[in-house]
Protein backbone atom coordinates (compact mmCIF):
# COMPACT_ATOMS: atom_id res chain seq x y z
CA UNK A 1 112.43 72.97 43.68
CA UNK A 2 109.52 74.65 42.36
CA UNK A 3 108.09 71.62 41.03
CA UNK A 4 108.27 69.59 44.30
CA UNK A 5 106.31 72.41 46.08
CA UNK A 6 103.63 72.23 43.47
CA UNK A 7 103.36 68.86 43.94
CA UNK A 8 102.98 68.91 47.65
CA UNK A 9 100.31 71.43 47.13
CA UNK A 10 98.57 69.22 44.70
CA UNK A 11 99.17 66.38 47.25
CA UNK A 12 97.78 68.84 50.02
CA UNK A 13 94.92 69.56 48.20
CA UNK A 14 93.84 65.74 47.78
CA UNK A 15 94.41 64.89 51.19
CA UNK A 16 92.31 67.79 52.26
CA UNK A 17 89.54 66.62 50.45
CA UNK A 18 89.73 62.93 51.82
CA UNK A 19 89.73 64.65 55.32
CA UNK A 20 86.77 67.21 55.16
CA UNK A 21 84.57 64.79 53.14
CA UNK A 22 82.99 62.77 56.37
CA UNK A 23 83.43 65.96 58.26
CA UNK A 24 80.97 67.56 56.18
CA UNK A 25 78.41 64.51 56.32
CA UNK A 26 78.75 64.60 59.78
CA UNK A 27 78.03 68.37 59.82
CA UNK A 28 75.15 68.26 57.86
CA UNK A 29 74.14 65.77 60.34
CA UNK A 30 74.30 67.58 63.28
CA UNK A 31 72.87 70.31 61.77
CA UNK A 32 69.30 68.39 60.84
CA UNK A 33 69.40 67.05 64.43
CA UNK A 34 69.37 70.47 66.02
CA UNK A 35 67.11 71.89 63.87
CA UNK A 36 64.39 69.20 64.74
CA UNK A 37 65.34 69.77 68.04
CA UNK A 38 67.39 66.98 69.05
CA UNK A 39 70.76 66.41 70.07
CA UNK A 40 72.18 64.30 67.11
CA UNK A 41 75.47 62.85 66.22
CA UNK A 42 78.59 64.13 66.91
CA UNK A 43 80.28 65.79 63.82
CA UNK A 44 82.71 63.46 63.55
CA UNK A 45 80.48 60.32 63.92
CA UNK A 46 81.16 59.58 60.21
CA UNK A 47 84.90 58.96 61.38
CA UNK A 48 84.11 56.76 64.33
CA UNK A 49 81.33 54.86 61.42
CA UNK A 50 84.01 54.33 59.23
CA UNK A 51 86.42 52.90 61.70
CA UNK A 52 84.28 50.54 63.09
CA UNK A 53 83.28 48.87 60.02
CA UNK A 54 87.13 48.60 58.77
CA UNK A 55 87.77 46.43 61.99
CA UNK A 56 84.92 44.43 61.13
CA UNK A 57 85.14 41.05 59.18
CA UNK A 58 83.93 41.11 55.42
CA UNK A 59 81.09 38.78 54.73
CA UNK A 60 81.10 37.77 50.65
CA UNK A 61 78.06 35.74 49.52
CA UNK A 62 78.94 32.65 47.74
CA UNK A 63 78.00 33.72 44.15
CA UNK A 64 80.01 37.28 44.34
CA UNK A 65 82.68 37.49 41.70
CA UNK A 66 85.86 39.20 41.64
CA UNK A 67 83.81 42.24 40.23
CA UNK A 68 81.65 42.42 43.58
CA UNK A 69 85.46 42.80 45.54
CA UNK A 70 87.10 44.90 43.50
CA UNK A 71 83.98 47.80 42.54
CA UNK A 72 84.43 49.27 46.14
CA UNK A 73 88.02 50.31 45.06
CA UNK A 74 87.36 51.24 41.64
CA UNK A 75 84.40 53.73 42.64
CA UNK A 76 86.44 54.85 45.58
CA UNK A 77 89.25 55.78 43.16
CA UNK A 78 87.76 57.08 40.65
CA UNK A 79 85.39 59.29 43.02
CA UNK A 80 88.60 60.29 44.91
CA UNK A 81 90.20 61.25 41.88
CA UNK A 82 87.43 63.46 40.67
CA UNK A 83 87.16 65.26 44.16
CA UNK A 84 91.34 66.18 43.84
CA UNK A 85 90.65 67.62 40.56
CA UNK A 86 87.81 70.18 41.64
CA UNK A 87 89.93 73.17 42.92
CA UNK A 88 89.29 74.05 46.66
CA UNK A 89 91.61 76.59 47.66
CA UNK A 90 93.91 77.29 44.88
CA UNK A 91 93.73 77.24 40.88
CA UNK A 92 96.53 76.23 38.48
CA UNK A 93 97.98 73.63 40.22
CA UNK A 94 99.95 70.52 38.35
CA UNK A 95 97.32 68.70 37.66
CA UNK A 96 95.01 71.71 36.10
CA UNK A 97 94.95 70.60 32.86
CA UNK A 98 93.69 67.11 33.56
CA UNK A 99 90.97 69.30 36.05
CA UNK A 100 88.26 69.16 32.80
CA UNK A 101 84.51 69.40 33.64
CA UNK A 102 84.23 66.89 30.74
CA UNK A 103 86.91 64.24 32.71
CA UNK A 104 85.23 64.48 35.79
CA UNK A 105 81.62 63.94 34.32
CA UNK A 106 83.67 60.66 33.06
CA UNK A 107 85.18 59.67 36.09
CA UNK A 108 81.58 59.99 37.91
CA UNK A 109 80.00 58.21 35.43
CA UNK A 110 82.36 55.13 35.49
CA UNK A 111 82.00 54.97 39.10
CA UNK A 112 78.45 55.09 38.96
CA UNK A 113 78.46 51.98 36.46
CA UNK A 114 80.48 49.85 38.53
CA UNK A 115 78.46 50.34 41.74
CA UNK A 116 75.32 49.28 39.68
CA UNK A 117 77.42 46.32 38.16
CA UNK A 118 78.35 45.63 41.96
CA UNK A 119 74.24 45.52 42.46
CA UNK A 120 73.85 43.39 40.08
CA UNK A 121 76.61 40.76 40.65
CA UNK A 122 75.04 38.82 43.82
CA UNK A 123 71.90 38.49 42.47
CA UNK A 124 69.20 39.79 45.32
CA UNK A 125 65.80 41.78 44.38
CA UNK A 126 67.01 44.75 46.30
CA UNK A 127 70.41 44.99 44.78
CA UNK A 128 68.66 45.09 41.01
CA UNK A 129 66.05 47.57 42.06
CA UNK A 130 68.71 49.88 43.15
CA UNK A 131 70.87 49.06 40.17
CA UNK A 132 67.72 50.44 37.69
CA UNK A 133 66.47 53.16 39.94
CA UNK A 134 70.45 54.44 39.38
CA UNK A 135 70.49 54.16 36.04
CA UNK A 136 66.95 55.70 35.47
CA UNK A 137 68.30 58.43 37.74
CA UNK A 138 71.91 58.30 35.44
CA UNK A 139 69.82 59.08 32.00
CA UNK A 140 68.45 62.45 32.87
CA UNK A 141 71.36 63.53 35.23
CA UNK A 142 74.08 63.04 32.83
CA UNK A 143 72.74 64.63 30.10
CA UNK A 144 71.37 67.87 32.49
CA UNK A 145 75.62 67.49 33.87
CA UNK A 146 76.76 67.70 29.97
CA UNK A 147 74.19 70.91 29.70
CA UNK A 148 75.44 72.86 31.98
CA UNK A 149 79.34 71.93 31.28
CA UNK A 150 78.02 73.12 27.34
CA UNK A 151 76.62 76.38 28.74
CA UNK A 152 79.94 76.49 31.07
CA UNK A 153 82.01 76.61 27.91
CA UNK A 154 80.18 79.03 26.15
CA UNK A 155 80.49 82.23 28.62
CA UNK A 156 83.79 80.93 29.67
CA UNK A 157 85.79 79.38 26.38
CA UNK A 158 87.07 76.38 28.49
CA UNK A 159 86.10 73.30 30.24
CA UNK A 160 89.13 73.71 32.58
CA UNK A 161 87.59 74.46 36.03
CA UNK A 162 90.64 76.47 36.51
CA UNK A 163 90.38 78.63 33.85
CA UNK A 164 86.42 78.48 34.38
CA UNK A 165 87.32 79.74 38.22
CA UNK A 166 89.37 82.73 36.97
CA UNK A 167 86.69 83.71 34.15
CA UNK A 168 84.41 83.76 37.02
CA UNK A 169 86.06 86.25 38.48
CA UNK A 170 86.38 88.92 36.16
CA UNK A 171 84.11 91.98 36.93
CA UNK A 172 82.83 91.92 33.42
CA UNK A 173 80.93 88.65 34.05
CA UNK A 174 78.11 90.13 36.69
CA UNK A 175 75.09 88.19 37.53
CA UNK A 176 73.67 86.59 34.11
CA UNK A 177 70.27 85.23 33.59
CA UNK A 178 72.01 81.81 32.20
CA UNK A 179 74.70 81.31 34.94
CA UNK A 180 71.24 80.95 37.37
CA UNK A 181 69.51 78.74 35.48
CA UNK A 182 72.46 76.61 35.47
CA UNK A 183 73.31 76.74 38.98
CA UNK A 184 69.92 75.81 39.70
CA UNK A 185 70.40 72.95 37.51
CA UNK A 186 73.80 71.91 38.87
CA UNK A 187 72.05 71.75 42.73
CA UNK A 188 69.24 69.47 41.61
CA UNK A 189 71.50 67.26 39.62
CA UNK A 190 73.53 67.24 42.88
CA UNK A 191 70.36 66.28 44.88
CA UNK A 192 69.99 63.58 42.58
CA UNK A 193 73.10 62.30 42.60
CA UNK A 194 73.87 62.14 46.21
CA UNK A 195 70.58 60.61 47.05
CA UNK A 196 69.39 63.69 49.13
CA UNK A 197 65.95 65.19 49.80
CA UNK A 198 63.42 65.23 48.07
CA UNK A 199 65.59 62.72 45.75
CA UNK A 200 66.45 60.30 48.33
CA UNK A 201 66.17 60.12 52.21
CA UNK A 202 69.92 59.18 53.18
CA UNK A 203 68.60 58.93 56.73
CA UNK A 204 66.24 55.75 56.12
CA UNK A 205 66.44 52.30 54.64
CA UNK A 206 63.22 51.75 53.09
CA UNK A 207 63.45 49.04 51.23
CA UNK A 208 60.25 50.31 48.57
CA UNK A 209 62.26 53.98 48.41
CA UNK A 210 66.01 53.39 49.02
CA UNK A 211 68.34 53.73 46.32
CA UNK A 212 71.99 53.73 47.11
CA UNK A 213 71.61 51.76 50.34
CA UNK A 214 70.08 49.08 48.18
CA UNK A 215 73.09 48.25 45.56
CA UNK A 216 75.54 48.29 48.95
CA UNK A 217 73.28 45.83 51.17
CA UNK A 218 75.57 42.69 50.74
CA UNK A 219 78.54 44.76 51.57
CA UNK A 220 80.64 44.72 54.89
CA UNK A 221 83.41 45.86 56.49
CA UNK A 222 86.33 47.60 54.57
CA UNK A 223 84.25 47.47 51.60
CA UNK A 224 81.07 49.34 53.26
CA UNK A 225 83.50 51.24 54.40
CA UNK A 226 85.33 52.28 50.95
CA UNK A 227 82.09 52.75 49.41
CA UNK A 228 80.56 54.96 52.14
CA UNK A 229 84.02 56.62 52.05
CA UNK A 230 83.12 57.41 47.90
CA UNK A 231 79.78 58.61 48.77
CA UNK A 232 81.32 61.51 51.26
CA UNK A 233 83.64 62.40 48.58
CA UNK A 234 81.13 62.55 46.20
CA UNK A 235 78.82 65.10 47.90
CA UNK A 236 82.08 66.90 49.09
CA UNK A 237 82.69 67.22 44.94
CA UNK A 238 79.53 68.88 44.35
CA UNK A 239 79.96 71.32 46.96
CA UNK A 240 83.42 72.26 45.48
CA UNK A 241 82.26 72.62 42.10
CA UNK A 242 79.42 74.84 43.18
CA UNK A 243 82.15 77.32 44.98
CA UNK A 244 84.78 76.90 42.46
CA UNK A 245 82.32 78.15 39.63
CA UNK A 246 79.84 80.19 41.03
CA UNK A 247 81.42 81.20 44.11
CA UNK A 248 85.19 81.47 43.16
CA UNK A 249 86.45 84.60 45.89
CA UNK A 250 89.56 83.70 47.67
CA UNK A 251 90.81 81.09 45.53
CA UNK A 252 95.03 81.17 45.40
CA UNK A 253 96.53 80.74 42.71
CA UNK A 254 99.55 78.59 42.21
CA UNK A 255 102.79 80.26 42.86
CA UNK A 256 101.67 82.44 45.53
CA UNK A 257 103.00 82.50 49.17
CA UNK A 258 101.92 80.47 52.04
CA UNK A 259 99.69 82.91 53.28
CA UNK A 260 97.61 83.14 50.19
CA UNK A 261 96.80 79.38 50.53
CA UNK A 262 96.21 79.92 53.71
CA UNK A 263 93.43 82.63 53.21
CA UNK A 264 92.20 80.53 50.17
CA UNK A 265 91.90 77.37 52.59
CA UNK A 266 89.30 79.82 55.57
CA UNK A 267 87.62 80.89 52.37
CA UNK A 268 86.95 77.26 50.84
CA UNK A 269 86.02 75.81 54.90
CA UNK A 270 83.56 78.57 55.20
CA UNK A 271 82.03 77.77 52.16
CA UNK A 272 81.23 74.36 52.87
CA UNK A 273 80.09 75.33 56.34
CA UNK A 274 77.73 77.87 54.39
CA UNK A 275 76.51 75.08 51.94
CA UNK A 276 76.33 72.31 54.61
CA UNK A 277 73.91 74.74 56.36
CA UNK A 278 72.05 75.65 53.44
CA UNK A 279 71.81 72.35 52.30
CA UNK A 280 70.55 71.09 56.01
CA UNK A 281 67.74 73.90 56.10
CA UNK A 282 66.51 72.80 52.47
CA UNK A 283 65.94 69.04 53.29
CA UNK A 284 64.65 70.07 56.68
CA UNK A 285 61.73 71.69 55.10
CA UNK A 286 61.16 69.58 52.42
CA UNK A 287 59.75 65.89 52.08
CA UNK A 288 60.80 63.48 49.96
CA UNK A 289 59.03 62.63 46.68
CA UNK A 290 57.96 59.52 45.19
CA UNK A 291 60.33 57.67 43.30
CA UNK A 292 58.62 57.70 39.98
CA UNK A 293 58.60 61.70 40.15
CA UNK A 294 62.47 61.81 39.74
CA UNK A 295 62.11 61.81 35.59
CA UNK A 296 60.01 65.13 36.06
CA UNK A 297 62.92 66.42 38.88
CA UNK A 298 65.75 65.99 36.43
CA UNK A 299 63.71 66.45 33.31
CA UNK A 300 63.63 70.30 34.83
CA UNK A 301 67.13 69.86 35.58
CA UNK A 302 67.92 68.98 31.83
CA UNK A 303 65.30 71.71 30.57
CA UNK A 304 66.91 74.55 32.35
CA UNK A 305 70.44 73.21 31.12
CA UNK A 306 69.02 73.67 27.64
CA UNK A 307 67.58 76.81 28.27
CA UNK A 308 70.83 78.40 29.80
CA UNK A 309 72.51 77.07 26.72
CA UNK A 310 69.62 78.51 24.35
CA UNK A 311 70.32 81.86 26.42
CA UNK A 312 73.75 82.19 25.55
CA UNK A 313 73.70 81.50 22.17
CA UNK A 314 70.82 84.18 21.22
CA UNK A 315 72.87 86.59 23.45
CA UNK A 316 76.17 86.42 25.16
CA UNK A 317 74.66 89.08 27.30
CA UNK A 318 71.93 86.73 29.19
């Protein structure tokens, strides 16, 4: 019975991230519209968009291969697994041993790989442009992400997220320069990976600047709905990762009662609300940069991660 209870809690976490991912995106869009003194779409609009796409007929190019049809489901599965592994309201769950930062980076890399292949499959010019830009971002974003993982493992002694979250709640951790640098590096990587301002503008579809949208222009119907849901999950994943590592307050521990899980869930929703508000304010007051400046942007993130690791090598107190 105890094992069944743990499996149910893990299943609740998986369904939670799946249900909250579109809500987070809708919440950010609504806040940005309000900050610009517009009514904007409803918070639940992403759910309506997904339902509308699911009901539509799928239109495929004549030269589309099996990879083009299978890629949306592979991307969604990899992203959902990665997002569900990050502790949201509780640590030490059944799949916690698999909730390793390196495994999550690998899952996101696999999803990116298949998305780029899908963009190239049909052979359109926009798909090729989007895939090449996505790989340019990945060539700097993944090393920066790995430097963040390396820095965190030096400090916490583990790359398992439950162990990291438990370590970060200890009073002896305190305020550290290396953690501040790692946090800034992770935020910069999250912005670039999710195509947010200033790396990209998710609200427009300009042919000369779009990255993610260029790779999925040929998709429609349920295929497009699955890819869009995977994009929502990816944004939630980075929010959850930042909350788990740098704001681990309120996380329950496996084996505690329903009350502890409810408190942890309330803390998690509050963290998402605050994070979404900060992202909306940041995007409203920031302009999009040129595509060719993305390498400089991510180069800074890589250097910050490297500097954080060097500080921990020199002095564990920093």
